[in-house]
């Protein structure tokens, strides 16, 4: 088992969740925060079962930051 950091975004239509430190695209959605987390957890398990342990980034991510910039 590996511990992953998950980003959860709240949108007008619901929640979107995705992991940090995983190769490939893995996303979960839900009407609630908890539902989005459960869906992304299920998607991560499927991703690992499909592509194997090499989907994990080699370096452990110590911290995750959210920053805002103007472009």
PDB file of N, CA and C in Angstrom:
ATOM      1  N   UNK A   1       0.837  -1.188   0.000  1.00  0.00           N
ATOM      2  CA  UNK A   1       0.000   0.000   0.000  1.00  0.00           C
ATOM      3  C   UNK A   1       0.875   1.242   0.000  1.00  0.00           C
ATOM      4  N   UNK A   2       0.458   2.209  -0.765  1.00  0.00           N
ATOM      5  CA  UNK A   2       1.177   3.486  -0.815  1.00  0.00           C
ATOM      6  C   UNK A   2       0.211   4.599  -0.456  1.00  0.00           C
ATOM      7  N   UNK A   3       0.737   5.602   0.221  1.00  0.00           N
ATOM      8  CA  UNK A   3      -0.067   6.769   0.559  1.00  0.00           C
ATOM      9  C   UNK A   3       0.123   7.803  -0.548  1.00  0.00           C
ATOM     10  N   UNK A   4      -0.976   8.326  -1.075  1.00  0.00           N
ATOM     11  CA  UNK A   4      -0.932   9.332  -2.134  1.00  0.00           C
ATOM     12  C   UNK A   4      -1.613  10.609  -1.674  1.00  0.00           C
ATOM     13  N   UNK A   5      -1.128  11.708  -2.178  1.00  0.00           N
ATOM     14  CA  UNK A   5      -1.787  12.992  -1.945  1.00  0.00           C
ATOM     15  C   UNK A   5      -2.817  13.186  -3.056  1.00  0.00           C
ATOM     16  N   UNK A   6      -4.005  13.644  -2.681  1.00  0.00           N
ATOM     17  CA  UNK A   6      -5.096  13.837  -3.630  1.00  0.00           C
ATOM     18  C   UNK A   6      -5.500  15.306  -3.623  1.00  0.00           C
ATOM     19  N   UNK A   7      -5.610  15.887  -4.816  1.00  0.00           N
ATOM     20  CA  UNK A   7      -6.127  17.243  -4.972  1.00  0.00           C
ATOM     21  C   UNK A   7      -7.631  17.127  -5.205  1.00  0.00           C
ATOM     22  N   UNK A   8      -8.406  17.887  -4.477  1.00  0.00           N
ATOM     23  CA  UNK A   8      -9.855  17.894  -4.661  1.00  0.00           C
ATOM     24  C   UNK A   8     -10.275  19.325  -4.986  1.00  0.00           C
ATOM     25  N   UNK A   9     -10.964  19.472  -6.111  1.00  0.00           N
ATOM     26  CA  UNK A   9     -11.450  20.783  -6.545  1.00  0.00           C
ATOM     27  C   UNK A   9     -12.967  20.816  -6.434  1.00  0.00           C
ATOM     28  N   UNK A  10     -13.483  21.929  -5.926  1.00  0.00           N
ATOM     29  CA  UNK A  10     -14.931  22.102  -5.867  1.00  0.00           C
ATOM     30  C   UNK A  10     -15.358  22.987  -7.030  1.00  0.00           C
ATOM     31  N   UNK A  11     -16.268  22.470  -7.835  1.00  0.00           N
ATOM     32  CA  UNK A  11     -16.799  23.178  -8.995  1.00  0.00           C
ATOM     33  C   UNK A  11     -18.295  23.385  -8.798  1.00  0.00           C
ATOM     34  N   UNK A  12     -18.903  24.272  -9.573  1.00  0.00           N
ATOM     35  CA  UNK A  12     -20.357  24.459  -9.445  1.00  0.00           C
ATOM     36  C   UNK A  12     -21.151  23.164  -9.659  1.00  0.00           C
ATOM     37  N   UNK A  13     -20.628  22.259 -10.498  1.00  0.00           N
ATOM     38  CA  UNK A  13     -21.335  21.014 -10.803  1.00  0.00           C
ATOM     39  C   UNK A  13     -21.015  19.882  -9.836  1.00  0.00           C
ATOM     40  N   UNK A  14     -20.006  20.048  -8.967  1.00  0.00           N
ATOM     41  CA  UNK A  14     -19.608  18.984  -8.055  1.00  0.00           C
ATOM     42  C   UNK A  14     -18.125  19.040  -7.762  1.00  0.00           C
ATOM     43  N   UNK A  15     -17.550  17.897  -7.439  1.00  0.00           N
ATOM     44  CA  UNK A  15     -16.148  17.810  -7.037  1.00  0.00           C
ATOM     45  C   UNK A  15     -15.353  16.959  -8.027  1.00  0.00           C
ATOM     46  N   UNK A  16     -14.081  17.322  -8.203  1.00  0.00           N
ATOM     47  CA  UNK A  16     -13.152  16.576  -9.037  1.00  0.00           C
ATOM     48  C   UNK A  16     -11.922  16.296  -8.187  1.00  0.00           C
ATOM     49  N   UNK A  17     -11.441  15.052  -8.233  1.00  0.00           N
ATOM     50  CA  UNK A  17     -10.275  14.664  -7.436  1.00  0.00           C
ATOM     51  C   UNK A  17      -9.264  13.952  -8.320  1.00  0.00           C
ATOM     52  N   UNK A  18      -7.976  14.225  -8.072  1.00  0.00           N
ATOM     53  CA  UNK A  18      -6.919  13.553  -8.827  1.00  0.00           C
ATOM     54  C   UNK A  18      -5.668  13.443  -7.966  1.00  0.00           C
ATOM     55  N   UNK A  19      -4.888  12.367  -8.188  1.00  0.00           N
ATOM     56  CA  UNK A  19      -3.701  12.149  -7.365  1.00  0.00           C
ATOM     57  C   UNK A  19      -2.495  12.923  -7.865  1.00  0.00           C
ATOM     58  N   UNK A  20      -1.563  13.154  -6.954  1.00  0.00           N
ATOM     59  CA  UNK A  20      -0.263  13.737  -7.265  1.00  0.00           C
ATOM     60  C   UNK A  20       0.752  12.602  -7.161  1.00  0.00           C
ATOM     61  N   UNK A  21       1.666  12.525  -8.119  1.00  0.00           N
ATOM     62  CA  UNK A  21       2.730  11.526  -8.045  1.00  0.00           C
ATOM     63  C   UNK A  21       2.431  10.225  -8.750  1.00  0.00           C
ATOM     64  N   UNK A  22       1.459  10.244  -9.638  1.00  0.00           N
ATOM     65  CA  UNK A  22       1.112   9.057 -10.406  1.00  0.00           C
ATOM     66  C   UNK A  22       1.266   9.379 -11.879  1.00  0.00           C
ATOM     67  N   UNK A  23       1.895   8.483 -12.629  1.00  0.00           N
ATOM     68  CA  UNK A  23       2.041   8.683 -14.067  1.00  0.00           C
ATOM     69  C   UNK A  23       0.718   8.343 -14.744  1.00  0.00           C
ATOM     70  N   UNK A  24       0.313   9.159 -15.710  1.00  0.00           N
ATOM     71  CA  UNK A  24      -0.946   8.941 -16.402  1.00  0.00           C
ATOM     72  C   UNK A  24      -2.036   9.828 -15.833  1.00  0.00           C
ATOM     73  N   UNK A  25      -3.203   9.712 -16.411  1.00  0.00           N
ATOM     74  CA  UNK A  25      -4.330  10.541 -15.992  1.00  0.00           C
ATOM     75  C   UNK A  25      -5.314   9.691 -15.206  1.00  0.00           C
ATOM     76  N   UNK A  26      -5.563  10.098 -13.970  1.00  0.00           N
ATOM     77  CA  UNK A  26      -6.517   9.402 -13.105  1.00  0.00           C
ATOM     78  C   UNK A  26      -7.376  10.472 -12.450  1.00  0.00           C
ATOM     79  N   UNK A  27      -8.694  10.387 -12.642  1.00  0.00           N
ATOM     80  CA  UNK A  27      -9.609  11.410 -12.124  1.00  0.00           C
ATOM     81  C   UNK A  27     -10.834  10.727 -11.531  1.00  0.00           C
ATOM     82  N   UNK A  28     -11.341  11.316 -10.454  1.00  0.00           N
ATOM     83  CA  UNK A  28     -12.610  10.882  -9.878  1.00  0.00           C
ATOM     84  C   UNK A  28     -13.517  12.081  -9.743  1.00  0.00           C
ATOM     85  N   UNK A  29     -14.811  11.863  -9.894  1.00  0.00           N
ATOM     86  CA  UNK A  29     -15.790  12.949  -9.769  1.00  0.00           C
ATOM     87  C   UNK A  29     -16.879  12.532  -8.791  1.00  0.00           C
ATOM     88  N   UNK A  30     -17.595  13.519  -8.273  1.00  0.00           N
ATOM     89  CA  UNK A  30     -18.721  13.209  -7.407  1.00  0.00           C
ATOM     90  C   UNK A  30     -19.514  14.441  -7.050  1.00  0.00           C
ATOM     91  N   UNK A  31     -20.714  14.212  -6.584  1.00  0.00           N
ATOM     92  CA  UNK A  31     -21.558  15.315  -6.123  1.00  0.00           C
ATOM     93  C   UNK A  31     -21.085  15.844  -4.773  1.00  0.00           C
ATOM     94  N   UNK A  32     -20.358  14.989  -4.025  1.00  0.00           N
ATOM     95  CA  UNK A  32     -19.829  15.388  -2.723  1.00  0.00           C
ATOM     96  C   UNK A  32     -18.324  15.162  -2.702  1.00  0.00           C
ATOM     97  N   UNK A  33     -17.677  15.779  -1.729  1.00  0.00           N
ATOM     98  CA  UNK A  33     -16.234  15.605  -1.505  1.00  0.00           C
ATOM     99  C   UNK A  33     -15.917  14.124  -1.309  1.00  0.00           C
ATOM    100  N   UNK A  34     -16.674  13.467  -0.447  1.00  0.00           N
ATOM    101  CA  UNK A  34     -16.440  12.065  -0.126  1.00  0.00           C
ATOM    102  C   UNK A  34     -16.628  11.165  -1.341  1.00  0.00           C
ATOM    103  N   UNK A  35     -17.643  11.464  -2.153  1.00  0.00           N
ATOM    104  CA  UNK A  35     -17.903  10.673  -3.347  1.00  0.00           C
ATOM    105  C   UNK A  35     -16.753  10.802  -4.347  1.00  0.00           C
ATOM    106  N   UNK A  36     -16.236  12.004  -4.509  1.00  0.00           N
ATOM    107  CA  UNK A  36     -15.103  12.215  -5.414  1.00  0.00           C
ATOM    108  C   UNK A  36     -13.876  11.448  -4.922  1.00  0.00           C
ATOM    109  N   UNK A  37     -13.626  11.448  -3.605  1.00  0.00           N
ATOM    110  CA  UNK A  37     -12.488  10.704  -3.057  1.00  0.00           C
ATOM    111  C   UNK A  37     -12.644   9.200  -3.272  1.00  0.00           C
ATOM    112  N   UNK A  38     -13.831   8.680  -3.048  1.00  0.00           N
ATOM    113  CA  UNK A  38     -14.062   7.254  -3.269  1.00  0.00           C
ATOM    114  C   UNK A  38     -13.879   6.887  -4.734  1.00  0.00           C
ATOM    115  N   UNK A  39     -14.374   7.745  -5.631  1.00  0.00           N
ATOM    116  CA  UNK A  39     -14.248   7.476  -7.060  1.00  0.00           C
ATOM    117  C   UNK A  39     -12.798   7.535  -7.534  1.00  0.00           C
ATOM    118  N   UNK A  40     -12.029   8.502  -7.025  1.00  0.00           N
ATOM    119  CA  UNK A  40     -10.626   8.571  -7.439  1.00  0.00           C
ATOM    120  C   UNK A  40      -9.843   7.401  -6.842  1.00  0.00           C
ATOM    121  N   UNK A  41     -10.182   6.977  -5.654  1.00  0.00           N
ATOM    122  CA  UNK A  41      -9.518   5.819  -5.046  1.00  0.00           C
ATOM    123  C   UNK A  41      -9.765   4.573  -5.902  1.00  0.00           C
ATOM    124  N   UNK A  42     -10.976   4.391  -6.349  1.00  0.00           N
ATOM    125  CA  UNK A  42     -11.311   3.271  -7.223  1.00  0.00           C
ATOM    126  C   UNK A  42     -10.557   3.368  -8.549  1.00  0.00           C
ATOM    127  N   UNK A  43     -10.481   4.572  -9.111  1.00  0.00           N
ATOM    128  CA  UNK A  43      -9.769   4.784 -10.373  1.00  0.00           C
ATOM    129  C   UNK A  43      -8.270   4.513 -10.214  1.00  0.00           C
ATOM    130  N   UNK A  44      -7.700   4.897  -9.075  1.00  0.00           N
ATOM    131  CA  UNK A  44      -6.278   4.648  -8.812  1.00  0.00           C
ATOM    132  C   UNK A  44      -6.021   3.142  -8.739  1.00  0.00           C
ATOM    133  N   UNK A  45      -6.868   2.404  -8.028  1.00  0.00           N
ATOM    134  CA  UNK A  45      -6.704   0.955  -7.928  1.00  0.00           C
ATOM    135  C   UNK A  45      -6.749   0.313  -9.314  1.00  0.00           C
ATOM    136  N   UNK A  46      -7.703   0.737 -10.140  1.00  0.00           N
ATOM    137  CA  UNK A  46      -7.812   0.205 -11.498  1.00  0.00           C
ATOM    138  C   UNK A  46      -6.562   0.539 -12.313  1.00  0.00           C
ATOM    139  N   UNK A  47      -6.064   1.758 -12.172  1.00  0.00           N
ATOM    140  CA  UNK A  47      -4.873   2.211 -12.887  1.00  0.00           C
ATOM    141  C   UNK A  47      -3.663   1.348 -12.521  1.00  0.00           C
ATOM    142  N   UNK A  48      -3.498   1.068 -11.237  1.00  0.00           N
ATOM    143  CA  UNK A  48      -2.383   0.241 -10.772  1.00  0.00           C
ATOM    144  C   UNK A  48      -2.542  -1.201 -11.262  1.00  0.00           C
ATOM    145  N   UNK A  49      -3.764  -1.739 -11.190  1.00  0.00           N
ATOM    146  CA  UNK A  49      -4.011  -3.098 -11.667  1.00  0.00           C
ATOM    147  C   UNK A  49      -3.728  -3.215 -13.164  1.00  0.00           C
ATOM    148  N   UNK A  50      -4.033  -2.164 -13.918  1.00  0.00           N
ATOM    149  CA  UNK A  50      -3.864  -2.185 -15.366  1.00  0.00           C
ATOM    150  C   UNK A  50      -2.413  -2.009 -15.786  1.00  0.00           C
ATOM    151  N   UNK A  51      -1.713  -1.049 -15.167  1.00  0.00           N
ATOM    152  CA  UNK A  51      -0.370  -0.685 -15.626  1.00  0.00           C
ATOM    153  C   UNK A  51       0.752  -1.120 -14.691  1.00  0.00           C
ATOM    154  N   UNK A  52       0.432  -1.595 -13.511  1.00  0.00           N
ATOM    155  CA  UNK A  52       1.447  -2.089 -12.588  1.00  0.00           C
ATOM    156  C   UNK A  52       2.061  -0.996 -11.725  1.00  0.00           C
ATOM    157  N   UNK A  53       2.999  -1.403 -10.912  1.00  0.00           N
ATOM    158  CA  UNK A  53       3.637  -0.514  -9.937  1.00  0.00           C
ATOM    159  C   UNK A  53       4.459   0.605 -10.569  1.00  0.00           C
ATOM    160  N   UNK A  54       4.809   0.478 -11.844  1.00  0.00           N
ATOM    161  CA  UNK A  54       5.608   1.524 -12.488  1.00  0.00           C
ATOM    162  C   UNK A  54       4.834   2.827 -12.695  1.00  0.00           C
ATOM    163  N   UNK A  55       3.551   2.854 -12.351  1.00  0.00           N
ATOM    164  CA  UNK A  55       2.788   4.105 -12.463  1.00  0.00           C
ATOM    165  C   UNK A  55       3.178   5.111 -11.382  1.00  0.00           C
ATOM    166  N   UNK A  56       3.858   4.635 -10.333  1.00  0.00           N
ATOM    167  CA  UNK A  56       4.271   5.541  -9.266  1.00  0.00           C
ATOM    168  C   UNK A  56       5.519   6.301  -9.681  1.00  0.00           C
ATOM    169  N   UNK A  57       5.533   7.602  -9.407  1.00  0.00           N
ATOM    170  CA  UNK A  57       6.736   8.407  -9.624  1.00  0.00           C
ATOM    171  C   UNK A  57       7.830   7.833  -8.736  1.00  0.00           C
ATOM    172  N   UNK A  58       9.068   7.934  -9.182  1.00  0.00           N
ATOM    173  CA  UNK A  58      10.165   7.324  -8.435  1.00  0.00           C
ATOM    174  C   UNK A  58      10.495   8.072  -7.144  1.00  0.00           C
ATOM    175  N   UNK A  59      10.362   9.385  -7.131  1.00  0.00           N
ATOM    176  CA  UNK A  59      10.653  10.170  -5.933  1.00  0.00           C
ATOM    177  C   UNK A  59       9.373  10.449  -5.158  1.00  0.00           C
ATOM    178  N   UNK A  60       9.447  10.252  -3.850  1.00  0.00           N
ATOM    179  CA  UNK A  60       8.306  10.538  -2.994  1.00  0.00           C
ATOM    180  C   UNK A  60       8.074  12.042  -2.931  1.00  0.00           C
ATOM    181  N   UNK A  61       6.832  12.440  -3.022  1.00  0.00           N
ATOM    182  CA  UNK A  61       6.485  13.856  -2.913  1.00  0.00           C
ATOM    183  C   UNK A  61       6.320  14.179  -1.431  1.00  0.00           C
ATOM    184  N   UNK A  62       7.129  15.095  -0.943  1.00  0.00           N
ATOM    185  CA  UNK A  62       7.120  15.435   0.480  1.00  0.00           C
ATOM    186  C   UNK A  62       5.957  16.359   0.841  1.00  0.00           C
ATOM    187  N   UNK A  63       5.724  17.357  -0.008  1.00  0.00           N
ATOM    188  CA  UNK A  63       4.652  18.317   0.243  1.00  0.00           C
ATOM    189  C   UNK A  63       3.991  18.683  -1.078  1.00  0.00           C
ATOM    190  N   UNK A  64       2.753  19.103  -0.985  1.00  0.00           N
ATOM    191  CA  UNK A  64       2.025  19.579  -2.158  1.00  0.00           C
ATOM    192  C   UNK A  64       1.528  20.981  -1.845  1.00  0.00           C
ATOM    193  N   UNK A  65       1.749  21.896  -2.769  1.00  0.00           N
ATOM    194  CA  UNK A  65       1.329  23.281  -2.591  1.00  0.00           C
ATOM    195  C   UNK A  65       0.345  23.661  -3.692  1.00  0.00           C
ATOM    196  N   UNK A  66      -0.536  24.557  -3.386  1.00  0.00           N
ATOM    197  CA  UNK A  66      -1.401  25.146  -4.399  1.00  0.00           C
ATOM    198  C   UNK A  66      -1.035  26.623  -4.468  1.00  0.00           C
ATOM    199  N   UNK A  67      -0.652  27.061  -5.645  1.00  0.00           N
ATOM    200  CA  UNK A  67      -0.254  28.453  -5.836  1.00  0.00           C
ATOM    201  C   UNK A  67      -1.157  29.090  -6.870  1.00  0.00           C
ATOM    202  N   UNK A  68      -1.193  30.393  -6.872  1.00  0.00           N
ATOM    203  CA  UNK A  68      -2.001  31.136  -7.834  1.00  0.00           C
ATOM    204  C   UNK A  68      -1.128  32.159  -8.531  1.00  0.00           C
ATOM    205  N   UNK A  69      -1.208  32.216  -9.850  1.00  0.00           N
ATOM    206  CA  UNK A  69      -0.467  33.192 -10.626  1.00  0.00           C
ATOM    207  C   UNK A  69      -1.419  33.855 -11.613  1.00  0.00           C
ATOM    208  N   UNK A  70      -1.044  35.024 -12.070  1.00  0.00           N
ATOM    209  CA  UNK A  70      -1.812  35.735 -13.083  1.00  0.00           C
ATOM    210  C   UNK A  70      -1.041  35.639 -14.394  1.00  0.00           C
ATOM    211  N   UNK A  71      -1.699  35.213 -15.466  1.00  0.00           N
ATOM    212  CA  UNK A  71      -1.037  35.107 -16.771  1.00  0.00           C
ATOM    213  C   UNK A  71      -1.796  35.914 -17.818  1.00  0.00           C
TER     214      UNK A  71
END
